[in-house]
Amino acid sequence: MPIIDTIVAEMLREGETTKKVLARVPTDRMDWKPHPRARSAGDLAWHIAALPGRIAAMATADEADVMVVRQPPRPDTTESIVQAFTEGLETARSALSPLTDEDLRRKFLFRRGDVTMAHLPKIAFLRGVLLNHSYHHRGQLSVYLRLLDVPVPSIYGPTADES
């Protein structure tokens, strides 16, 4: 089995859970922040939703600049964010599935303008940014939900809100 198949399968499996978390963000609370230096609930949800398509667009090349492959403007509704995430998962599946094991072992240069953020095998980029970075922010968003008194869906097991 090609290595990319395991990455794509994990992305799609975890994506189902992420959709549940994204769907709980109240449209009328998109601008809420837990702290003045924090992202708003809507901006955090949108960052998570935009990751699959954005990272897949980067990973089809051997280098990418986050200043070039930019996040599109945030939609205004929770439903639109969830829809964009769903479409991004499909875009990522289609773009990443053809990658070979050799492609994944090649070095990938990840930049922010002239600053190198990472130079590592492409598989490490996908694991670190497409998957782990997404899970990190999903966890943050679940705390936002709790602080907004919105029931937190099951992520890796029951929550205080769902058994």
N, C-alpha and C. Protein backbone atom coordinates (compact mmCIF):
# COMPACT_ATOMS: atom_id res chain seq x y z
N MET A 1 0.85 -1.18 0.00
CA MET A 1 0.00 0.00 0.00
C MET A 1 0.90 1.25 0.00
N PRO A 2 0.61 2.19 -0.89
CA PRO A 2 1.38 3.43 -0.89
C PRO A 2 1.19 4.19 0.43
N ILE A 3 2.24 4.83 0.90
CA ILE A 3 2.19 5.58 2.15
C ILE A 3 1.10 6.64 2.13
N ILE A 4 0.91 7.29 1.00
CA ILE A 4 -0.08 8.38 0.94
C ILE A 4 -1.48 7.89 1.26
N ASP A 5 -1.76 6.61 0.98
CA ASP A 5 -3.08 6.07 1.28
C ASP A 5 -3.40 6.16 2.77
N THR A 6 -2.39 5.94 3.63
CA THR A 6 -2.63 6.03 5.07
C THR A 6 -2.85 7.48 5.49
N ILE A 7 -2.12 8.40 4.88
CA ILE A 7 -2.29 9.82 5.20
C ILE A 7 -3.69 10.30 4.78
N VAL A 8 -4.08 9.95 3.57
CA VAL A 8 -5.40 10.37 3.06
C VAL A 8 -6.51 9.73 3.89
N ALA A 9 -6.37 8.44 4.24
CA ALA A 9 -7.40 7.78 5.04
C ALA A 9 -7.55 8.45 6.40
N GLU A 10 -6.43 8.80 7.02
CA GLU A 10 -6.49 9.48 8.32
C GLU A 10 -7.14 10.85 8.18
N MET A 11 -6.75 11.58 7.15
CA MET A 11 -7.32 12.91 6.90
C MET A 11 -8.85 12.82 6.77
N LEU A 12 -9.32 11.86 6.00
CA LEU A 12 -10.76 11.72 5.79
C LEU A 12 -11.48 11.25 7.04
N ARG A 13 -10.88 10.31 7.77
CA ARG A 13 -11.49 9.81 9.01
C ARG A 13 -11.58 10.93 10.05
N GLU A 14 -10.48 11.63 10.27
CA GLU A 14 -10.47 12.74 11.24
C GLU A 14 -11.33 13.90 10.74
N GLY A 15 -11.44 14.03 9.44
CA GLY A 15 -12.27 15.08 8.86
C GLY A 15 -13.72 14.97 9.28
N GLU A 16 -14.20 13.76 9.43
CA GLU A 16 -15.59 13.57 9.88
C GLU A 16 -15.79 14.15 11.28
N THR A 17 -14.82 13.93 12.14
CA THR A 17 -14.88 14.49 13.50
C THR A 17 -14.75 16.00 13.45
N THR A 18 -13.84 16.49 12.63
CA THR A 18 -13.64 17.93 12.51
C THR A 18 -14.90 18.62 12.03
N LYS A 19 -15.62 18.01 11.10
CA LYS A 19 -16.88 18.59 10.63
C LYS A 19 -17.85 18.78 11.80
N LYS A 20 -17.91 17.81 12.71
CA LYS A 20 -18.82 17.92 13.86
C LYS A 20 -18.44 19.11 14.74
N VAL A 21 -17.15 19.33 14.94
CA VAL A 21 -16.70 20.45 15.75
C VAL A 21 -16.99 21.77 15.03
N LEU A 22 -16.64 21.85 13.76
CA LEU A 22 -16.89 23.07 12.99
C LEU A 22 -18.38 23.42 12.97
N ALA A 23 -19.23 22.41 12.85
CA ALA A 23 -20.67 22.64 12.75
C ALA A 23 -21.27 23.22 14.03
N ARG A 24 -20.55 23.12 15.13
CA ARG A 24 -21.06 23.64 16.41
C ARG A 24 -20.75 25.12 16.61
N VAL A 25 -19.88 25.70 15.79
CA VAL A 25 -19.54 27.12 15.97
C VAL A 25 -20.76 27.95 15.62
N PRO A 26 -21.28 28.72 16.58
CA PRO A 26 -22.48 29.52 16.29
C PRO A 26 -22.17 30.66 15.31
N THR A 27 -22.95 30.73 14.26
CA THR A 27 -22.76 31.80 13.28
C THR A 27 -22.80 33.18 13.94
N ASP A 28 -23.65 33.34 14.92
CA ASP A 28 -23.78 34.65 15.57
C ASP A 28 -22.66 34.95 16.57
N ARG A 29 -21.73 34.02 16.73
CA ARG A 29 -20.60 34.23 17.65
C ARG A 29 -19.25 34.15 16.93
N MET A 30 -19.26 34.28 15.61
CA MET A 30 -18.02 34.17 14.82
C MET A 30 -16.94 35.14 15.26
N ASP A 31 -17.30 36.29 15.77
CA ASP A 31 -16.31 37.30 16.16
C ASP A 31 -15.86 37.18 17.62
N TRP A 32 -16.41 36.21 18.36
CA TRP A 32 -16.05 36.04 19.77
C TRP A 32 -14.61 35.55 19.90
N LYS A 33 -13.90 36.10 20.91
CA LYS A 33 -12.52 35.70 21.21
C LYS A 33 -12.40 35.43 22.70
N PRO A 34 -11.64 34.38 23.07
CA PRO A 34 -11.45 34.11 24.50
C PRO A 34 -10.44 35.07 25.14
N HIS A 35 -9.69 35.78 24.32
CA HIS A 35 -8.65 36.69 24.80
C HIS A 35 -8.36 37.69 23.68
N PRO A 36 -7.97 38.91 24.01
CA PRO A 36 -7.72 39.91 22.94
C PRO A 36 -6.67 39.48 21.91
N ARG A 37 -5.70 38.66 22.29
CA ARG A 37 -4.67 38.24 21.32
C ARG A 37 -5.04 36.94 20.60
N ALA A 38 -6.16 36.35 20.94
CA ALA A 38 -6.59 35.09 20.32
C ALA A 38 -7.31 35.36 19.00
N ARG A 39 -7.36 34.33 18.16
CA ARG A 39 -8.19 34.40 16.95
C ARG A 39 -9.65 34.35 17.36
N SER A 40 -10.49 34.91 16.53
CA SER A 40 -11.93 34.80 16.78
C SER A 40 -12.36 33.36 16.48
N ALA A 41 -13.52 32.99 17.01
CA ALA A 41 -14.06 31.65 16.77
C ALA A 41 -14.21 31.39 15.27
N GLY A 42 -14.71 32.37 14.54
CA GLY A 42 -14.89 32.22 13.10
C GLY A 42 -13.57 32.10 12.36
N ASP A 43 -12.58 32.90 12.77
CA ASP A 43 -11.27 32.84 12.11
C ASP A 43 -10.58 31.51 12.38
N LEU A 44 -10.69 31.01 13.61
CA LEU A 44 -10.09 29.72 13.94
C LEU A 44 -10.79 28.60 13.16
N ALA A 45 -12.11 28.62 13.13
CA ALA A 45 -12.86 27.61 12.38
C ALA A 45 -12.47 27.66 10.90
N TRP A 46 -12.33 28.87 10.36
CA TRP A 46 -11.99 29.01 8.95
C TRP A 46 -10.56 28.53 8.68
N HIS A 47 -9.65 28.82 9.60
CA HIS A 47 -8.27 28.33 9.44
C HIS A 47 -8.27 26.81 9.34
N ILE A 48 -9.00 26.16 10.22
CA ILE A 48 -9.09 24.69 10.21
C ILE A 48 -9.73 24.22 8.90
N ALA A 49 -10.82 24.85 8.50
CA ALA A 49 -11.56 24.44 7.31
C ALA A 49 -10.74 24.60 6.04
N ALA A 50 -9.91 25.63 5.99
CA ALA A 50 -9.13 25.91 4.78
C ALA A 50 -7.87 25.04 4.67
N LEU A 51 -7.45 24.41 5.76
CA LEU A 51 -6.19 23.66 5.75
C LEU A 51 -6.11 22.55 4.70
N PRO A 52 -7.06 21.64 4.59
CA PRO A 52 -6.85 20.53 3.64
C PRO A 52 -6.59 20.98 2.21
N GLY A 53 -7.42 21.85 1.67
CA GLY A 53 -7.22 22.31 0.30
C GLY A 53 -5.95 23.12 0.14
N ARG A 54 -5.66 23.95 1.12
CA ARG A 54 -4.48 24.82 1.05
C ARG A 54 -3.19 24.00 1.15
N ILE A 55 -3.14 23.07 2.08
CA ILE A 55 -1.93 22.25 2.25
C ILE A 55 -1.75 21.33 1.05
N ALA A 56 -2.83 20.78 0.53
CA ALA A 56 -2.72 19.93 -0.67
C ALA A 56 -2.17 20.73 -1.84
N ALA A 57 -2.61 21.98 -1.98
CA ALA A 57 -2.09 22.83 -3.07
C ALA A 57 -0.60 23.04 -2.91
N MET A 58 -0.14 23.17 -1.69
CA MET A 58 1.29 23.34 -1.44
C MET A 58 2.07 22.05 -1.70
N ALA A 59 1.53 20.94 -1.25
CA ALA A 59 2.25 19.67 -1.26
C ALA A 59 2.39 19.04 -2.65
N THR A 60 1.69 19.55 -3.63
CA THR A 60 1.84 18.99 -4.98
C THR A 60 3.12 19.49 -5.63
N ALA A 61 3.77 20.50 -5.04
CA ALA A 61 5.05 21.01 -5.53
C ALA A 61 6.14 20.58 -4.54
N ASP A 62 7.37 20.98 -4.80
CA ASP A 62 8.47 20.65 -3.89
C ASP A 62 8.82 21.80 -2.97
N GLU A 63 8.15 22.92 -3.12
CA GLU A 63 8.30 24.02 -2.18
C GLU A 63 7.04 24.87 -2.22
N ALA A 64 6.80 25.58 -1.12
CA ALA A 64 5.62 26.43 -1.06
C ALA A 64 5.88 27.60 -0.13
N ASP A 65 5.24 28.70 -0.46
CA ASP A 65 5.33 29.92 0.32
C ASP A 65 3.93 30.24 0.83
N VAL A 66 3.77 30.30 2.15
CA VAL A 66 2.45 30.58 2.72
C VAL A 66 1.95 31.97 2.36
N MET A 67 2.85 32.83 1.92
CA MET A 67 2.44 34.17 1.50
C MET A 67 1.87 34.15 0.08
N VAL A 68 2.10 33.08 -0.65
CA VAL A 68 1.59 32.94 -2.02
C VAL A 68 0.32 32.08 -2.02
N VAL A 69 0.37 30.94 -1.34
CA VAL A 69 -0.80 30.05 -1.25
C VAL A 69 -1.59 30.52 -0.03
N ARG A 70 -2.35 31.56 -0.23
CA ARG A 70 -3.03 32.25 0.86
C ARG A 70 -4.40 31.64 1.16
N GLN A 71 -4.83 31.86 2.37
CA GLN A 71 -6.15 31.43 2.78
C GLN A 71 -7.18 32.38 2.19
N PRO A 72 -8.21 31.86 1.56
CA PRO A 72 -9.26 32.75 1.02
C PRO A 72 -10.00 33.47 2.15
N PRO A 73 -10.76 34.51 1.82
CA PRO A 73 -11.53 35.22 2.84
C PRO A 73 -12.54 34.29 3.52
N ARG A 74 -12.78 34.53 4.78
CA ARG A 74 -13.68 33.69 5.58
C ARG A 74 -15.14 33.89 5.18
N PRO A 75 -15.85 32.77 5.02
CA PRO A 75 -17.30 32.88 4.80
C PRO A 75 -17.99 33.42 6.06
N ASP A 76 -19.23 33.82 5.92
CA ASP A 76 -19.96 34.44 7.03
C ASP A 76 -20.76 33.47 7.88
N THR A 77 -20.95 32.24 7.40
CA THR A 77 -21.81 31.31 8.14
C THR A 77 -21.08 30.01 8.46
N THR A 78 -21.55 29.39 9.52
CA THR A 78 -21.03 28.08 9.92
C THR A 78 -21.25 27.07 8.79
N GLU A 79 -22.43 27.08 8.21
CA GLU A 79 -22.74 26.15 7.12
C GLU A 79 -21.75 26.30 5.97
N SER A 80 -21.40 27.52 5.62
CA SER A 80 -20.44 27.75 4.53
C SER A 80 -19.04 27.27 4.88
N ILE A 81 -18.66 27.42 6.15
CA ILE A 81 -17.35 26.93 6.59
C ILE A 81 -17.30 25.41 6.52
N VAL A 82 -18.34 24.75 6.99
CA VAL A 82 -18.39 23.28 6.94
C VAL A 82 -18.38 22.81 5.48
N GLN A 83 -19.13 23.47 4.63
CA GLN A 83 -19.16 23.10 3.20
C GLN A 83 -17.79 23.26 2.57
N ALA A 84 -17.12 24.36 2.86
CA ALA A 84 -15.77 24.60 2.32
C ALA A 84 -14.80 23.54 2.82
N PHE A 85 -14.92 23.15 4.09
CA PHE A 85 -14.06 22.10 4.64
C PHE A 85 -14.30 20.78 3.91
N THR A 86 -15.57 20.43 3.71
CA THR A 86 -15.93 19.20 3.00
C THR A 86 -15.34 19.20 1.59
N GLU A 87 -15.46 20.31 0.90
CA GLU A 87 -14.88 20.44 -0.45
C GLU A 87 -13.35 20.38 -0.40
N GLY A 88 -12.75 20.98 0.62
CA GLY A 88 -11.30 20.95 0.77
C GLY A 88 -10.78 19.55 1.01
N LEU A 89 -11.52 18.75 1.75
CA LEU A 89 -11.12 17.35 1.95
C LEU A 89 -11.09 16.59 0.62
N GLU A 90 -12.09 16.82 -0.20
CA GLU A 90 -12.15 16.14 -1.50
C GLU A 90 -11.03 16.65 -2.41
N THR A 91 -10.79 17.94 -2.40
CA THR A 91 -9.69 18.51 -3.19
C THR A 91 -8.36 17.90 -2.74
N ALA A 92 -8.17 17.80 -1.43
CA ALA A 92 -6.93 17.24 -0.90
C ALA A 92 -6.81 15.76 -1.27
N ARG A 93 -7.89 15.01 -1.15
CA ARG A 93 -7.86 13.59 -1.52
C ARG A 93 -7.43 13.43 -2.98
N SER A 94 -8.02 14.20 -3.85
CA SER A 94 -7.70 14.12 -5.27
C SER A 94 -6.26 14.54 -5.57
N ALA A 95 -5.81 15.59 -4.92
CA ALA A 95 -4.47 16.12 -5.19
C ALA A 95 -3.37 15.26 -4.59
N LEU A 96 -3.62 14.70 -3.42
CA LEU A 96 -2.57 13.95 -2.71
C LEU A 96 -2.49 12.48 -3.11
N SER A 97 -3.60 11.87 -3.47
CA SER A 97 -3.62 10.43 -3.76
C SER A 97 -2.60 9.99 -4.80
N PRO A 98 -2.30 10.78 -5.83
CA PRO A 98 -1.31 10.34 -6.82
C PRO A 98 0.15 10.37 -6.33
N LEU A 99 0.42 10.98 -5.16
CA LEU A 99 1.81 11.07 -4.70
C LEU A 99 2.38 9.68 -4.42
N THR A 100 3.57 9.45 -4.91
CA THR A 100 4.24 8.16 -4.70
C THR A 100 5.07 8.21 -3.42
N ASP A 101 5.52 7.03 -2.99
CA ASP A 101 6.40 6.98 -1.82
C ASP A 101 7.66 7.80 -2.08
N GLU A 102 8.15 7.76 -3.30
CA GLU A 102 9.34 8.56 -3.66
C GLU A 102 9.04 10.05 -3.53
N ASP A 103 7.86 10.48 -3.99
CA ASP A 103 7.46 11.88 -3.85
C ASP A 103 7.47 12.29 -2.38
N LEU A 104 6.96 11.43 -1.52
CA LEU A 104 6.84 11.75 -0.10
C LEU A 104 8.19 11.80 0.62
N ARG A 105 9.17 11.10 0.09
CA ARG A 105 10.51 11.10 0.71
C ARG A 105 11.35 12.30 0.27
N ARG A 106 10.96 12.95 -0.83
CA ARG A 106 11.71 14.12 -1.30
C ARG A 106 11.58 15.27 -0.32
N LYS A 107 12.63 16.07 -0.26
CA LYS A 107 12.62 17.24 0.62
C LYS A 107 11.61 18.26 0.12
N PHE A 108 10.96 18.89 1.05
CA PHE A 108 9.95 19.91 0.78
C PHE A 108 10.39 21.18 1.50
N LEU A 109 10.41 22.29 0.78
CA LEU A 109 10.80 23.58 1.35
C LEU A 109 9.54 24.38 1.66
N PHE A 110 9.34 24.68 2.91
CA PHE A 110 8.17 25.42 3.38
C PHE A 110 8.65 26.79 3.85
N ARG A 111 8.15 27.86 3.18
CA ARG A 111 8.64 29.21 3.44
C ARG A 111 7.51 30.16 3.78
N ARG A 112 7.91 31.25 4.40
CA ARG A 112 7.06 32.44 4.58
C ARG A 112 7.90 33.57 4.01
N GLY A 113 7.68 33.86 2.73
CA GLY A 113 8.52 34.84 2.03
C GLY A 113 9.94 34.31 1.94
N ASP A 114 10.89 35.07 2.42
CA ASP A 114 12.30 34.67 2.37
C ASP A 114 12.72 33.81 3.56
N VAL A 115 11.83 33.61 4.50
CA VAL A 115 12.16 32.86 5.71
C VAL A 115 11.77 31.38 5.52
N THR A 116 12.76 30.50 5.70
CA THR A 116 12.49 29.06 5.64
C THR A 116 11.87 28.63 6.96
N MET A 117 10.66 28.10 6.88
CA MET A 117 9.99 27.59 8.08
C MET A 117 10.37 26.13 8.33
N ALA A 118 10.57 25.38 7.26
CA ALA A 118 10.96 23.98 7.38
C ALA A 118 11.51 23.49 6.04
N HIS A 119 12.45 22.58 6.12
CA HIS A 119 12.97 21.88 4.93
C HIS A 119 13.08 20.43 5.36
N LEU A 120 12.10 19.65 4.96
CA LEU A 120 11.95 18.30 5.47
C LEU A 120 11.29 17.42 4.43
N PRO A 121 11.30 16.10 4.65
CA PRO A 121 10.59 15.24 3.70
C PRO A 121 9.10 15.63 3.60
N LYS A 122 8.57 15.53 2.41
CA LYS A 122 7.17 15.94 2.19
C LYS A 122 6.21 15.21 3.12
N ILE A 123 6.49 13.95 3.43
CA ILE A 123 5.61 13.21 4.33
C ILE A 123 5.59 13.86 5.71
N ALA A 124 6.72 14.38 6.16
CA ALA A 124 6.77 15.06 7.47
C ALA A 124 5.95 16.35 7.42
N PHE A 125 6.01 17.04 6.31
CA PHE A 125 5.19 18.25 6.13
C PHE A 125 3.70 17.89 6.22
N LEU A 126 3.30 16.84 5.52
CA LEU A 126 1.89 16.44 5.54
C LEU A 126 1.45 16.01 6.93
N ARG A 127 2.29 15.22 7.60
CA ARG A 127 1.93 14.78 8.94
C ARG A 127 1.87 15.97 9.90
N GLY A 128 2.86 16.84 9.81
CA GLY A 128 2.95 17.94 10.76
C GLY A 128 1.94 19.04 10.55
N VAL A 129 1.62 19.34 9.29
CA VAL A 129 0.75 20.49 9.02
C VAL A 129 -0.67 20.06 8.62
N LEU A 130 -0.77 19.16 7.67
CA LEU A 130 -2.10 18.72 7.24
C LEU A 130 -2.83 18.01 8.38
N LEU A 131 -2.13 17.16 9.11
CA LEU A 131 -2.79 16.38 10.16
C LEU A 131 -2.61 17.01 11.55
N ASN A 132 -1.39 16.99 12.10
CA ASN A 132 -1.19 17.42 13.48
C ASN A 132 -1.60 18.87 13.73
N HIS A 133 -1.25 19.76 12.84
CA HIS A 133 -1.61 21.18 12.99
C HIS A 133 -3.13 21.33 13.03
N SER A 134 -3.81 20.57 12.21
CA SER A 134 -5.27 20.60 12.18
C SER A 134 -5.85 20.11 13.50
N TYR A 135 -5.30 19.01 14.04
CA TYR A 135 -5.81 18.46 15.30
C TYR A 135 -5.59 19.45 16.45
N HIS A 136 -4.44 20.09 16.43
CA HIS A 136 -4.12 21.10 17.45
C HIS A 136 -5.20 22.19 17.46
N HIS A 137 -5.50 22.73 16.29
CA HIS A 137 -6.49 23.80 16.21
C HIS A 137 -7.90 23.30 16.48
N ARG A 138 -8.18 22.06 16.13
CA ARG A 138 -9.50 21.49 16.45
C ARG A 138 -9.67 21.42 17.96
N GLY A 139 -8.60 21.06 18.67
CA GLY A 139 -8.65 21.05 20.13
C GLY A 139 -8.89 22.44 20.70
N GLN A 140 -8.22 23.43 20.13
CA GLN A 140 -8.46 24.82 20.55
C GLN A 140 -9.92 25.18 20.35
N LEU A 141 -10.45 24.83 19.19
CA LEU A 141 -11.83 25.19 18.88
C LEU A 141 -12.80 24.50 19.83
N SER A 142 -12.49 23.30 20.27
CA SER A 142 -13.37 22.62 21.23
C SER A 142 -13.40 23.37 22.56
N VAL A 143 -12.27 23.98 22.95
CA VAL A 143 -12.26 24.81 24.16
C VAL A 143 -13.10 26.07 23.94
N TYR A 144 -12.99 26.67 22.77
CA TYR A 144 -13.84 27.83 22.46
C TYR A 144 -15.31 27.45 22.63
N LEU A 145 -15.69 26.28 22.11
CA LEU A 145 -17.09 25.85 22.23
C LEU A 145 -17.49 25.76 23.70
N ARG A 146 -16.62 25.16 24.51
CA ARG A 146 -16.94 25.03 25.94
C ARG A 146 -17.13 26.42 26.56
N LEU A 147 -16.23 27.36 26.24
CA LEU A 147 -16.32 28.70 26.80
C LEU A 147 -17.56 29.44 26.31
N LEU A 148 -18.05 29.08 25.14
CA LEU A 148 -19.28 29.67 24.60
C LEU A 148 -20.53 28.94 25.10
N ASP A 149 -20.33 27.92 25.93
CA ASP A 149 -21.41 27.10 26.46
C ASP A 149 -22.17 26.37 25.35
N VAL A 150 -21.40 25.95 24.34
CA VAL A 150 -21.93 25.15 23.24
C VAL A 150 -21.54 23.70 23.51
N PRO A 151 -22.45 22.75 23.41
CA PRO A 151 -22.10 21.35 23.64
C PRO A 151 -20.95 20.89 22.73
N VAL A 152 -19.94 20.30 23.34
CA VAL A 152 -18.77 19.82 22.60
C VAL A 152 -19.06 18.40 22.12
N PRO A 153 -18.89 18.15 20.81
CA PRO A 153 -19.15 16.81 20.30
C PRO A 153 -18.04 15.83 20.71
N SER A 154 -18.36 14.58 20.63
CA SER A 154 -17.37 13.53 20.88
C SER A 154 -16.25 13.68 19.86
N ILE A 155 -15.01 13.64 20.33
CA ILE A 155 -13.86 13.72 19.43
C ILE A 155 -13.15 12.37 19.43
N TYR A 156 -12.57 11.98 20.57
CA TYR A 156 -11.96 10.65 20.69
C TYR A 156 -12.65 9.83 21.75
N GLY A 157 -13.79 10.24 22.14
CA GLY A 157 -14.56 9.56 23.16
C GLY A 157 -15.61 10.52 23.67
N PRO A 158 -16.40 10.07 24.62
CA PRO A 158 -17.48 10.92 25.13
C PRO A 158 -16.96 12.23 25.72
N THR A 159 -17.77 13.26 25.62
CA THR A 159 -17.49 14.52 26.29
C THR A 159 -18.50 14.65 27.43
N ALA A 160 -18.38 15.71 28.20
CA ALA A 160 -19.36 15.96 29.25
C ALA A 160 -20.74 16.25 28.66
N ASP A 161 -20.77 16.55 27.36
CA ASP A 161 -22.02 16.90 26.70
C ASP A 161 -22.66 15.74 25.95
N GLU A 162 -21.84 14.78 25.56
CA GLU A 162 -22.33 13.63 24.78
C GLU A 162 -21.71 12.36 25.33
N SER A 163 -22.53 11.36 25.55
CA SER A 163 -21.98 10.10 26.06
C SER A 163 -22.03 9.03 25.00
